[in-house]
Amino acid sequence: MALHVRPIAGGDIDSVVALWKEAGLTVPHNDPYEDIHFCRASPNAEILLGFDGQELAAATMVGHDGHRGWYYYVGVAPGRQTSGLGREIMSAAEEWLKERGVGKAQLMIRPANTKVKDFYERLGYVQEDRLVMAKRFGPVPDWQTGQTETTVIHLEMLSRPDREPARPPEIGKRIVLERMAVPSVRFYRFLYDGVGGDWTWVSRRIMDDETLAAALSRAGAEYYLLSVDGEPAGFCELERSQNGKDVELSYFGLLPGFIGIGIGRYFIDAAIDLAWQPETERVWVHTCDLDHPRALGNYQRAGFVPYAREVEILPDPRLAGLPLPPHSSDRGHAPNSLFRDRAAAEKLPLADGATR
């Protein structure tokens, strides 16, 4: 397929922004309309559009600083991203730079964006040993500081629940919960990002592949995959102490399409059953005011008892391509508000806690 490539025109702007948004390239702290305006005002930059017939299929921003070329907003329409269009629009951007005598081009990639890194490596781009530094001119608004505060509640269970072992509900679907070997980084990202994207799961999303692989292969970690009719529906991750007496349910959740179909209670009960072994003396978990509004109540109904709380500062979610969450006063389901006795909740001792 050969794209028809031309520079952006005034009537294209809304379509370009829509494509970039659909491709996941926009972030809250950059206004694409302002970026387009700034680019079009520069004699050393251009926005190139690739058309398949009359359809806008790809777009990128390219420019140079008098020394090196740069690319931004390299995007292909969803559903067309494995058909070679990304390679074509990048080829057009490279030609634009070569025509202006630019001898080298550079780009920046967020550490967690391994898929894009692989794409550029296939085009011949290599990672260089450079430190990127930046300085903002003018005051930075409070909402751009990246400080995300969350109230964390720690809960524990000191004995195995007095109930029958968890059984899959009869909902007309085949439900299987089975242990995985240490998952690949790619598959783990699929599960972690899918389950936690709406709840600001950040810490592992911003890890590079090497760091994440080391974390996944740590001693004591166990991984379990929940599937519905053969399709991944959720996962849980346990971490056992060396002697097996203390077990953390460190990550747990359903993928968005499987929330509300009647498998959540089974899943949490089954995860608890997996945590308890003859030598186990304590199982614990934590939740926060960024989690699903029913998370704390579900843990309590499953038998967990709150024992400590803390205020935690998370990394800037935008480093992982996630939006900043609402301010804590606007979340509407802070953990303390879910306790019947709020005063008792406030008296929970502060804990060292675990990061998300």
Protein backbone atom coordinates (compact mmCIF):
# COMPACT_ATOMS: atom_id res chain seq x y z
CA MET A 1 0.00 0.00 0.00
CA ALA A 2 1.33 3.44 -0.89
CA LEU A 3 0.13 6.38 1.13
CA HIS A 4 -0.45 9.76 -0.46
CA VAL A 5 1.52 12.05 1.85
CA ARG A 6 1.09 15.83 2.04
CA PRO A 7 1.51 18.62 4.61
CA ILE A 8 -1.34 19.49 6.94
CA ALA A 9 -3.86 22.15 5.92
CA GLY A 10 -6.18 24.20 8.08
CA GLY A 11 -9.18 21.97 7.45
CA ASP A 12 -7.28 18.86 8.58
CA ILE A 13 -6.64 19.87 12.17
CA ASP A 14 -9.66 18.28 13.86
CA SER A 15 -9.14 15.02 11.96
CA VAL A 16 -5.46 14.90 12.92
CA VAL A 17 -6.20 15.49 16.59
CA ALA A 18 -8.88 12.80 16.48
CA LEU A 19 -6.42 10.31 14.95
CA TRP A 20 -3.77 11.11 17.56
CA LYS A 21 -6.29 10.65 20.36
CA GLU A 22 -7.55 7.35 18.97
CA ALA A 23 -3.95 6.17 18.65
CA GLY A 24 -3.30 7.01 22.32
CA LEU A 25 -0.70 9.72 21.63
CA THR A 26 -2.23 12.60 23.57
CA VAL A 27 -1.65 13.30 27.26
CA PRO A 28 -3.39 15.74 29.61
CA HIS A 29 -0.43 18.10 29.93
CA ASN A 30 0.00 18.67 26.17
CA ASP A 31 -2.71 20.31 24.10
CA PRO A 32 -2.43 18.87 20.56
CA TYR A 33 -4.14 21.92 19.08
CA GLU A 34 -1.49 24.19 20.61
CA ASP A 35 1.26 21.85 19.40
CA ILE A 36 -0.14 21.94 15.85
CA HIS A 37 -0.36 25.74 15.92
CA PHE A 38 3.22 26.03 17.24
CA CYS A 39 4.51 23.60 14.61
CA ARG A 40 2.76 25.35 11.70
CA ALA A 41 4.24 28.69 12.80
CA SER A 42 7.79 27.31 12.56
CA PRO A 43 9.76 27.36 9.26
CA ASN A 44 11.67 24.27 10.42
CA ALA A 45 8.78 21.92 11.18
CA GLU A 46 5.88 20.25 9.42
CA ILE A 47 3.00 17.90 10.09
CA LEU A 48 2.79 15.23 7.40
CA LEU A 49 -0.46 13.40 6.70
CA GLY A 50 -0.77 10.04 4.98
CA PHE A 51 -3.99 9.30 3.10
CA ASP A 52 -5.28 5.97 1.87
CA GLY A 53 -7.65 7.23 -0.78
CA GLN A 54 -9.72 9.88 0.99
CA GLU A 55 -9.13 8.42 4.46
CA LEU A 56 -6.58 9.94 6.85
CA ALA A 57 -4.61 6.86 7.88
CA ALA A 58 -1.39 8.23 9.46
CA ALA A 59 0.18 11.46 10.64
CA THR A 60 3.39 12.68 12.19
CA MET A 61 5.09 15.87 13.29
CA VAL A 62 8.66 16.32 12.03
CA GLY A 63 11.13 19.16 12.39
CA HIS A 64 14.72 20.13 13.05
CA ASP A 65 16.50 22.49 15.43
CA GLY A 66 19.28 23.49 13.03
CA HIS A 67 21.35 20.52 14.16
CA ARG A 68 19.21 17.41 14.53
CA GLY A 69 15.84 16.22 13.34
CA TRP A 70 13.01 15.22 15.69
CA TYR A 71 9.76 13.27 15.41
CA TYR A 72 6.62 13.64 17.51
CA TYR A 73 3.06 12.29 17.33
CA VAL A 74 3.84 9.41 14.97
CA GLY A 75 0.39 7.87 14.73
CA VAL A 76 -1.56 5.37 12.63
CA ALA A 77 -5.33 4.99 12.73
CA PRO A 78 -6.46 2.14 15.02
CA GLY A 79 -7.15 -1.03 13.08
CA ARG A 80 -4.46 -0.08 10.54
CA GLN A 81 -1.44 -0.33 12.81
CA THR A 82 0.02 -3.59 11.50
CA SER A 83 -0.31 -2.86 7.79
CA GLY A 84 2.97 -0.99 7.23
CA LEU A 85 1.50 2.52 7.40
CA GLY A 86 3.74 3.50 10.30
CA ARG A 87 6.79 2.60 8.25
CA GLU A 88 5.47 4.63 5.30
CA ILE A 89 4.76 7.81 7.26
CA MET A 90 8.16 7.54 8.96
CA SER A 91 9.83 7.14 5.56
CA ALA A 92 8.12 10.34 4.40
CA ALA A 93 9.32 12.16 7.54
CA GLU A 94 12.88 10.95 6.99
CA GLU A 95 12.80 12.20 3.38
CA TRP A 96 11.54 15.59 4.61
CA LEU A 97 14.61 15.85 6.86
CA LYS A 98 17.06 14.63 4.21
CA GLU A 99 15.79 17.19 1.73
CA ARG A 100 16.77 19.90 4.22
CA GLY A 101 20.26 18.53 4.78
CA VAL A 102 19.61 17.12 8.25
CA GLY A 103 22.15 14.38 8.96
CA LYS A 104 20.60 12.67 11.97
CA ALA A 105 17.19 12.28 13.56
CA GLN A 106 16.21 11.63 17.17
CA LEU A 107 13.10 10.84 19.16
CA MET A 108 12.05 10.26 22.75
CA ILE A 109 10.12 7.25 24.07
CA ARG A 110 8.58 6.73 27.49
CA PRO A 111 10.36 3.83 29.29
CA ALA A 112 7.21 1.71 29.49
CA ASN A 113 6.38 2.09 25.80
CA THR A 114 8.20 -1.06 24.68
CA LYS A 115 5.91 -1.65 21.71
CA VAL A 116 6.93 1.64 20.12
CA LYS A 117 10.59 1.01 20.93
CA ASP A 118 10.43 -2.27 19.01
CA PHE A 119 8.85 -0.47 16.04
CA TYR A 120 11.66 2.08 15.80
CA GLU A 121 14.34 -0.58 16.21
CA ARG A 122 12.91 -2.36 13.18
CA LEU A 123 13.35 0.90 11.24
CA GLY A 124 17.03 1.05 12.20
CA TYR A 125 16.90 3.44 15.15
CA VAL A 126 19.17 2.60 18.09
CA GLN A 127 19.27 3.65 21.72
CA GLU A 128 22.06 6.07 22.57
CA ASP A 129 23.65 6.81 25.92
CA ARG A 130 22.26 10.28 26.50
CA LEU A 131 20.71 11.99 29.51
CA VAL A 132 17.61 14.03 28.65
CA MET A 133 17.18 17.14 30.78
CA ALA A 134 14.41 19.72 30.64
CA LYS A 135 13.35 23.04 32.10
CA ARG A 136 9.93 24.65 31.99
CA PHE A 137 9.64 28.37 31.44
CA GLY A 138 7.05 30.03 33.62
CA PRO A 139 5.14 28.63 36.60
CA VAL A 140 3.99 25.03 36.51
CA PRO A 141 0.29 24.67 37.45
CA ASP A 142 -0.43 22.53 40.50
CA TRP A 143 -2.20 19.94 38.38
CA GLN A 144 1.03 19.38 36.40
CA THR A 145 3.27 18.57 39.36
CA GLY A 146 2.44 14.88 39.11
CA GLN A 147 2.00 14.48 42.85
CA THR A 148 -0.75 11.89 43.27
CA GLU A 149 -1.74 11.32 46.88
CA THR A 150 -3.77 8.30 47.91
CA THR A 151 -5.02 6.92 51.22
CA VAL A 152 -4.09 3.25 51.54
CA ILE A 153 -5.87 0.79 53.83
CA HIS A 154 -4.08 -2.42 54.82
CA LEU A 155 -6.19 -5.47 55.69
CA GLU A 156 -5.30 -8.89 57.03
CA MET A 157 -6.78 -12.33 57.67
CA LEU A 158 -5.32 -14.37 60.54
CA SER A 159 -7.13 -17.66 59.96
CA ARG A 160 -8.53 -19.58 57.03
CA PRO A 161 -12.16 -18.64 56.32
CA ASP A 162 -14.69 -21.08 57.79
CA ARG A 163 -16.51 -21.89 54.54
CA GLU A 164 -16.53 -24.39 51.70
CA PRO A 165 -13.79 -24.02 49.06
CA ALA A 166 -14.67 -21.49 46.37
CA ARG A 167 -16.52 -22.90 43.37
CA PRO A 168 -17.02 -21.17 40.00
CA PRO A 169 -20.52 -19.70 39.67
CA GLU A 170 -22.95 -21.20 37.18
CA ILE A 171 -23.29 -18.40 34.66
CA GLY A 172 -23.29 -20.50 31.52
CA LYS A 173 -19.57 -19.99 30.90
CA ARG A 174 -16.48 -22.08 31.52
CA ILE A 175 -14.51 -20.43 34.35
CA VAL A 176 -10.96 -21.61 35.08
CA LEU A 177 -8.43 -20.31 37.59
CA GLU A 178 -5.00 -21.86 37.14
CA ARG A 179 -1.44 -21.14 38.11
CA MET A 180 0.89 -19.68 35.52
CA ALA A 181 4.62 -20.05 35.22
CA VAL A 182 6.43 -16.73 35.55
CA PRO A 183 4.65 -14.74 32.82
CA SER A 184 6.48 -13.04 29.99
CA VAL A 185 6.90 -9.29 30.31
CA ARG A 186 4.60 -8.75 27.32
CA PHE A 187 1.76 -10.89 28.70
CA TYR A 188 2.15 -9.46 32.20
CA ARG A 189 1.88 -5.93 30.84
CA PHE A 190 -1.31 -6.96 29.05
CA LEU A 191 -2.81 -8.17 32.34
CA TYR A 192 -1.42 -5.44 34.61
CA ASP A 193 -2.27 -2.54 32.30
CA GLY A 194 -5.68 -3.98 31.48
CA VAL A 195 -6.71 -4.63 35.07
CA GLY A 196 -5.11 -1.55 36.61
CA GLY A 197 -5.37 1.12 33.94
CA ASP A 198 -8.62 2.54 35.33
CA TRP A 199 -7.30 2.47 38.92
CA THR A 200 -3.92 4.21 38.46
CA TRP A 201 -1.70 1.14 38.76
CA VAL A 202 1.57 2.89 38.01
CA SER A 203 4.60 1.31 39.68
CA ARG A 204 5.11 -1.63 37.33
CA ARG A 205 3.81 0.19 34.29
CA ILE A 206 6.77 2.58 34.37
CA MET A 207 9.38 -0.18 34.82
CA ASP A 208 11.53 -0.98 31.82
CA ASP A 209 11.42 -4.55 30.56
CA GLU A 210 14.59 -5.67 32.32
CA THR A 211 13.51 -4.31 35.70
CA LEU A 212 10.04 -5.78 35.35
CA ALA A 213 11.41 -9.19 34.35
CA ALA A 214 13.55 -9.21 37.49
CA ALA A 215 10.55 -8.28 39.64
CA LEU A 216 8.43 -11.03 38.11
CA SER A 217 11.04 -13.72 38.75
CA ARG A 218 11.56 -12.84 42.43
CA ALA A 219 11.45 -15.60 45.02
CA GLY A 220 8.05 -16.32 46.55
CA ALA A 221 5.96 -14.84 43.72
CA GLU A 222 3.03 -16.85 42.34
CA TYR A 223 0.78 -15.94 39.41
CA TYR A 224 -2.73 -17.16 38.66
CA LEU A 225 -4.78 -16.52 35.53
CA LEU A 226 -8.57 -16.39 35.54
CA SER A 227 -10.15 -17.25 32.18
CA VAL A 228 -13.75 -17.28 30.98
CA ASP A 229 -14.48 -19.50 27.98
CA GLY A 230 -10.75 -19.55 27.27
CA GLU A 231 -10.33 -15.76 27.30
CA PRO A 232 -8.14 -14.03 29.94
CA ALA A 233 -10.48 -12.35 32.41
CA GLY A 234 -8.22 -11.36 35.32
CA PHE A 235 -5.20 -12.32 37.36
CA CYS A 236 -3.94 -12.43 40.90
CA GLU A 237 -0.41 -12.35 42.23
CA LEU A 238 0.65 -13.78 45.57
CA GLU A 239 3.92 -13.23 47.39
CA ARG A 240 4.89 -15.74 50.07
CA SER A 241 7.45 -15.06 52.76
CA GLN A 242 10.43 -17.41 52.89
CA ASN A 243 8.88 -19.56 55.59
CA GLY A 244 5.45 -19.41 53.98
CA LYS A 245 3.73 -18.03 57.07
CA ASP A 246 2.96 -14.59 55.64
CA VAL A 247 1.29 -14.19 52.21
CA GLU A 248 0.45 -10.96 50.44
CA LEU A 249 -2.27 -10.77 47.81
CA SER A 250 -0.20 -8.15 46.04
CA TYR A 251 -2.21 -7.73 42.84
CA PHE A 252 -5.76 -8.82 42.09
CA GLY A 253 -8.40 -7.77 39.62
CA LEU A 254 -10.62 -8.37 36.63
CA LEU A 255 -10.18 -7.04 33.11
CA PRO A 256 -12.81 -4.38 32.33
CA GLY A 257 -15.03 -6.56 30.15
CA PHE A 258 -15.50 -9.10 32.95
CA ILE A 259 -16.52 -6.77 35.77
CA GLY A 260 -20.17 -7.17 36.73
CA ILE A 261 -20.84 -10.61 35.22
CA GLY A 262 -20.97 -12.40 38.58
CA ILE A 263 -17.46 -13.84 38.97
CA GLY A 264 -15.83 -11.32 41.32
CA ARG A 265 -16.80 -12.96 44.63
CA TYR A 266 -15.71 -16.39 43.41
CA PHE A 267 -12.40 -14.94 42.23
CA ILE A 268 -11.49 -13.30 45.54
CA ASP A 269 -12.55 -16.35 47.57
CA ALA A 270 -10.54 -18.61 45.26
CA ALA A 271 -7.48 -16.33 45.56
CA ILE A 272 -7.75 -16.53 49.35
CA ASP A 273 -7.98 -20.33 49.17
CA LEU A 274 -4.79 -20.38 47.09
CA ALA A 275 -3.02 -18.18 49.61
CA TRP A 276 -3.81 -20.43 52.55
CA GLN A 277 -1.53 -23.44 52.94
CA PRO A 278 -0.93 -25.54 56.10
CA GLU A 279 1.97 -23.32 57.17
CA THR A 280 0.21 -20.02 56.44
CA GLU A 281 -0.58 -17.86 59.47
CA ARG A 282 -1.52 -14.55 57.83
CA VAL A 283 -2.82 -13.30 54.48
CA TRP A 284 -2.90 -9.57 53.81
CA VAL A 285 -3.87 -7.14 51.09
CA HIS A 286 -4.15 -3.39 50.62
CA THR A 287 -6.51 -1.10 48.76
CA CYS A 288 -6.87 2.66 48.37
CA ASP A 289 -9.18 5.45 47.30
CA LEU A 290 -8.07 5.02 43.68
CA ASP A 291 -9.35 1.43 43.52
CA HIS A 292 -12.81 0.31 42.44
CA PRO A 293 -15.39 1.87 44.80
CA ARG A 294 -16.44 -1.58 46.02
CA ALA A 295 -12.92 -2.95 46.53
CA LEU A 296 -12.66 -2.31 50.27
CA GLY A 297 -16.13 -3.66 51.00
CA ASN A 298 -15.46 -6.78 48.93
CA TYR A 299 -12.26 -7.49 50.85
CA GLN A 300 -14.05 -7.06 54.16
CA ARG A 301 -16.91 -9.34 53.11
CA ALA A 302 -14.32 -11.94 52.13
CA GLY A 303 -12.97 -11.90 55.70
CA PHE A 304 -10.16 -9.32 55.68
CA VAL A 305 -9.97 -6.91 58.62
CA PRO A 306 -8.37 -3.42 58.36
CA TYR A 307 -5.33 -3.02 60.58
CA ALA A 308 -3.46 0.06 59.34
CA ARG A 309 -3.62 3.01 56.97
CA GLU A 310 -1.17 5.37 55.32
CA VAL A 311 -0.98 8.24 52.87
CA GLU A 312 1.13 7.35 49.85
CA ILE A 313 2.54 9.50 47.04
CA LEU A 314 2.48 7.71 43.69
CA PRO A 315 4.73 8.38 40.70
CA ASP A 316 3.28 10.74 38.13
CA PRO A 317 0.71 8.60 36.25
CA ARG A 318 1.47 10.48 33.05
CA LEU A 319 4.89 8.79 32.97
CA ALA A 320 2.89 5.64 32.24
CA GLY A 321 0.54 7.29 29.75
CA LEU A 322 -2.28 7.52 32.30
CA PRO A 323 -4.22 10.69 33.17
CA LEU A 324 -3.97 12.29 36.56
CA PRO A 325 -6.81 10.98 38.75
CA PRO A 326 -9.32 13.32 40.41
CA HIS A 327 -8.11 15.13 43.51
CA SER A 328 -8.61 13.07 46.66
CA SER A 329 -11.45 15.36 47.74
CA ASP A 330 -13.31 14.64 44.49
CA ARG A 331 -13.00 10.85 44.33
CA GLY A 332 -16.18 10.16 46.24
CA HIS A 333 -15.08 6.78 47.60
CA ALA A 334 -12.14 7.42 49.91
CA PRO A 335 -11.49 4.35 52.08
CA ASN A 336 -12.43 6.10 55.32
CA SER A 337 -15.89 6.89 53.94
CA LEU A 338 -16.56 3.18 53.43
CA PHE A 339 -16.21 2.34 57.11
CA ARG A 340 -19.35 2.50 59.21
CA ASP A 341 -17.30 3.97 62.02
CA ARG A 342 -15.22 6.68 60.41
CA ALA A 343 -13.63 7.64 63.72
CA ALA A 344 -12.36 4.08 64.09
CA ALA A 345 -10.93 4.22 60.59
CA GLU A 346 -9.08 7.43 61.39
CA LYS A 347 -7.56 5.72 64.44
CA LEU A 348 -6.00 2.93 62.42
CA PRO A 349 -2.24 3.11 63.02
CA LEU A 350 0.01 4.36 60.28
CA ALA A 351 1.87 1.64 58.40
CA ASP A 352 4.99 1.37 56.29
CA GLY A 353 2.86 -0.32 53.63
CA ALA A 354 3.61 -1.55 50.15
CA THR A 355 3.65 0.47 46.97
CA ARG A 356 1.21 -0.18 44.18
